Amino acid sequence: MNKRLLEAVMREHGDTGTVLSEYLGIARSTFSAKINETNGAEFTQSEIAKIKERYTLTAEKVDNIFFGKKVS
């Protein structure tokens, strides 16, 4: 997962982790674990779909964020 790219998209839209976690219906701590890939935590397909919709992301951008090389 490309955490930096997701965070950049969030900033472009004025969102914080708290705002996005509330939108996704998950706890802030769960969101943090997923964005930091703690203990293998990952976003679900439905969460990725919601993020894609919220930010009007292209399929390529979604691939770059969630399925590209790991960038720390």
N, C-alpha and C. Protein backbone atom coordinates (compact mmCIF):
# COMPACT_ATOMS: atom_id res chain seq x y z
N MET A 1 0.83 -1.18 0.00
CA MET A 1 0.00 0.00 0.00
C MET A 1 0.88 1.24 0.00
N ASN A 2 0.44 2.26 -0.74
CA ASN A 2 1.17 3.52 -0.80
C ASN A 2 0.48 4.53 0.13
N LYS A 3 0.90 4.50 1.38
CA LYS A 3 0.32 5.35 2.43
C LYS A 3 0.44 6.83 2.07
N ARG A 4 1.58 7.22 1.55
CA ARG A 4 1.81 8.64 1.23
C ARG A 4 0.81 9.14 0.18
N LEU A 5 0.55 8.31 -0.81
CA LEU A 5 -0.37 8.71 -1.87
C LEU A 5 -1.79 8.84 -1.32
N LEU A 6 -2.23 7.91 -0.49
CA LEU A 6 -3.56 8.02 0.11
C LEU A 6 -3.65 9.26 0.98
N GLU A 7 -2.63 9.52 1.77
CA GLU A 7 -2.64 10.70 2.63
C GLU A 7 -2.66 11.98 1.80
N ALA A 8 -1.97 12.00 0.66
CA ALA A 8 -1.98 13.17 -0.22
C ALA A 8 -3.38 13.40 -0.78
N VAL A 9 -4.05 12.34 -1.19
CA VAL A 9 -5.41 12.46 -1.71
C VAL A 9 -6.34 12.97 -0.61
N MET A 10 -6.18 12.44 0.58
CA MET A 10 -7.00 12.90 1.71
C MET A 10 -6.79 14.39 1.95
N ARG A 11 -5.53 14.83 1.96
CA ARG A 11 -5.23 16.25 2.18
C ARG A 11 -5.84 17.13 1.09
N GLU A 12 -5.77 16.66 -0.17
CA GLU A 12 -6.35 17.42 -1.28
C GLU A 12 -7.83 17.70 -1.06
N HIS A 13 -8.49 16.78 -0.37
CA HIS A 13 -9.93 16.90 -0.13
C HIS A 13 -10.24 17.42 1.28
N GLY A 14 -9.22 17.81 2.01
CA GLY A 14 -9.41 18.38 3.34
C GLY A 14 -9.82 17.36 4.39
N ASP A 15 -9.54 16.09 4.14
CA ASP A 15 -9.90 15.04 5.08
C ASP A 15 -8.74 14.67 5.98
N THR A 16 -9.09 14.21 7.16
CA THR A 16 -8.12 13.64 8.10
C THR A 16 -8.44 12.16 8.25
N GLY A 17 -7.59 11.46 8.95
CA GLY A 17 -7.85 10.06 9.22
C GLY A 17 -9.15 9.86 9.99
N THR A 18 -9.44 10.77 10.89
CA THR A 18 -10.67 10.68 11.67
C THR A 18 -11.89 10.83 10.78
N VAL A 19 -11.85 11.80 9.87
CA VAL A 19 -12.97 12.03 8.96
C VAL A 19 -13.19 10.81 8.06
N LEU A 20 -12.10 10.29 7.48
CA LEU A 20 -12.24 9.15 6.58
C LEU A 20 -12.66 7.90 7.33
N SER A 21 -12.15 7.70 8.52
CA SER A 21 -12.56 6.51 9.28
C SER A 21 -14.04 6.57 9.62
N GLU A 22 -14.55 7.75 9.97
CA GLU A 22 -15.98 7.91 10.24
C GLU A 22 -16.79 7.63 8.98
N TYR A 23 -16.33 8.12 7.84
CA TYR A 23 -17.01 7.88 6.56
C TYR A 23 -17.06 6.39 6.25
N LEU A 24 -15.97 5.68 6.55
CA LEU A 24 -15.90 4.25 6.28
C LEU A 24 -16.65 3.42 7.32
N GLY A 25 -16.99 4.04 8.45
CA GLY A 25 -17.69 3.33 9.51
C GLY A 25 -16.79 2.41 10.32
N ILE A 26 -15.52 2.80 10.44
CA ILE A 26 -14.58 2.01 11.23
C ILE A 26 -13.96 2.90 12.31
N ALA A 27 -13.46 2.27 13.35
CA ALA A 27 -12.81 3.01 14.43
C ALA A 27 -11.53 3.67 13.91
N ARG A 28 -11.19 4.79 14.52
CA ARG A 28 -9.97 5.50 14.12
C ARG A 28 -8.75 4.61 14.29
N SER A 29 -8.73 3.81 15.35
CA SER A 29 -7.60 2.91 15.58
C SER A 29 -7.52 1.83 14.50
N THR A 30 -8.66 1.37 14.03
CA THR A 30 -8.69 0.38 12.96
C THR A 30 -8.17 1.01 11.67
N PHE A 31 -8.61 2.23 11.38
CA PHE A 31 -8.13 2.95 10.21
C PHE A 31 -6.61 3.10 10.27
N SER A 32 -6.11 3.49 11.43
CA SER A 32 -4.67 3.67 11.61
C SER A 32 -3.92 2.36 11.36
N ALA A 33 -4.44 1.27 11.87
CA ALA A 33 -3.80 -0.03 11.65
C ALA A 33 -3.77 -0.38 10.16
N LYS A 34 -4.85 -0.06 9.46
CA LYS A 34 -4.93 -0.39 8.03
C LYS A 34 -4.00 0.49 7.20
N ILE A 35 -3.96 1.78 7.47
CA ILE A 35 -3.12 2.67 6.67
C ILE A 35 -1.64 2.41 6.95
N ASN A 36 -1.34 1.94 8.16
CA ASN A 36 0.05 1.62 8.53
C ASN A 36 0.37 0.14 8.34
N GLU A 37 -0.61 -0.62 7.89
CA GLU A 37 -0.45 -2.06 7.65
C GLU A 37 0.09 -2.79 8.88
N THR A 38 -0.44 -2.42 10.04
CA THR A 38 -0.04 -3.02 11.30
C THR A 38 -0.64 -4.42 11.41
N ASN A 39 0.19 -5.38 11.76
CA ASN A 39 -0.24 -6.77 11.95
C ASN A 39 -1.03 -7.30 10.75
N GLY A 40 -0.65 -6.89 9.55
CA GLY A 40 -1.30 -7.39 8.35
C GLY A 40 -2.67 -6.80 8.06
N ALA A 41 -3.06 -5.75 8.79
CA ALA A 41 -4.36 -5.13 8.56
C ALA A 41 -4.41 -4.50 7.17
N GLU A 42 -5.52 -4.70 6.47
CA GLU A 42 -5.69 -4.17 5.12
C GLU A 42 -7.10 -3.63 4.96
N PHE A 43 -7.26 -2.70 4.04
CA PHE A 43 -8.59 -2.20 3.71
C PHE A 43 -9.35 -3.29 2.97
N THR A 44 -10.64 -3.42 3.26
CA THR A 44 -11.48 -4.39 2.56
C THR A 44 -11.83 -3.84 1.18
N GLN A 45 -12.35 -4.72 0.33
CA GLN A 45 -12.77 -4.29 -1.00
C GLN A 45 -13.85 -3.22 -0.91
N SER A 46 -14.79 -3.38 0.02
CA SER A 46 -15.86 -2.39 0.13
C SER A 46 -15.32 -1.05 0.64
N GLU A 47 -14.33 -1.08 1.52
CA GLU A 47 -13.72 0.17 1.99
C GLU A 47 -12.97 0.86 0.86
N ILE A 48 -12.26 0.08 0.05
CA ILE A 48 -11.55 0.64 -1.10
C ILE A 48 -12.54 1.26 -2.08
N ALA A 49 -13.66 0.59 -2.29
CA ALA A 49 -14.69 1.11 -3.19
C ALA A 49 -15.25 2.44 -2.67
N LYS A 50 -15.46 2.54 -1.36
CA LYS A 50 -15.96 3.78 -0.76
C LYS A 50 -14.94 4.90 -0.91
N ILE A 51 -13.66 4.59 -0.70
CA ILE A 51 -12.60 5.59 -0.85
C ILE A 51 -12.53 6.05 -2.30
N LYS A 52 -12.63 5.11 -3.23
CA LYS A 52 -12.63 5.45 -4.66
C LYS A 52 -13.77 6.41 -4.98
N GLU A 53 -14.94 6.11 -4.46
CA GLU A 53 -16.11 6.96 -4.71
C GLU A 53 -15.96 8.33 -4.05
N ARG A 54 -15.52 8.35 -2.81
CA ARG A 54 -15.40 9.62 -2.07
C ARG A 54 -14.48 10.61 -2.78
N TYR A 55 -13.37 10.09 -3.31
CA TYR A 55 -12.37 10.96 -3.91
C TYR A 55 -12.39 10.93 -5.44
N THR A 56 -13.37 10.27 -6.01
CA THR A 56 -13.50 10.15 -7.47
C THR A 56 -12.18 9.69 -8.09
N LEU A 57 -11.66 8.60 -7.58
CA LEU A 57 -10.37 8.08 -8.03
C LEU A 57 -10.53 7.23 -9.27
N THR A 58 -9.55 7.31 -10.15
CA THR A 58 -9.51 6.42 -11.31
C THR A 58 -9.07 5.04 -10.85
N ALA A 59 -9.33 4.05 -11.68
CA ALA A 59 -8.89 2.69 -11.36
C ALA A 59 -7.38 2.64 -11.22
N GLU A 60 -6.68 3.41 -12.05
CA GLU A 60 -5.22 3.45 -11.98
C GLU A 60 -4.75 4.02 -10.64
N LYS A 61 -5.40 5.07 -10.18
CA LYS A 61 -5.03 5.68 -8.89
C LYS A 61 -5.28 4.70 -7.75
N VAL A 62 -6.41 3.99 -7.81
CA VAL A 62 -6.71 2.98 -6.79
C VAL A 62 -5.63 1.91 -6.79
N ASP A 63 -5.24 1.45 -7.97
CA ASP A 63 -4.17 0.46 -8.07
C ASP A 63 -2.88 0.99 -7.47
N ASN A 64 -2.55 2.24 -7.77
CA ASN A 64 -1.31 2.84 -7.27
C ASN A 64 -1.32 2.96 -5.75
N ILE A 65 -2.49 3.26 -5.18
CA ILE A 65 -2.58 3.42 -3.73
C ILE A 65 -2.58 2.07 -3.02
N PHE A 66 -3.46 1.18 -3.45
CA PHE A 66 -3.71 -0.03 -2.67
C PHE A 66 -2.96 -1.27 -3.15
N PHE A 67 -2.53 -1.28 -4.40
CA PHE A 67 -1.95 -2.51 -4.93
C PHE A 67 -0.55 -2.33 -5.51
N GLY A 68 0.00 -1.12 -5.39
CA GLY A 68 1.33 -0.86 -5.89
C GLY A 68 2.39 -1.34 -4.91
N LYS A 69 3.62 -1.03 -5.25
CA LYS A 69 4.74 -1.39 -4.38
C LYS A 69 4.57 -0.72 -3.02
N LYS A 70 5.05 -1.39 -2.02
CA LYS A 70 5.01 -0.83 -0.67
C LYS A 70 5.97 0.33 -0.56
N VAL A 71 5.46 1.47 -0.11
CA VAL A 71 6.28 2.66 0.10
C VAL A 71 6.09 3.08 1.54
N SER A 72 7.20 3.19 2.27
CA SER A 72 7.07 3.55 3.69
C SER A 72 7.42 4.99 3.94
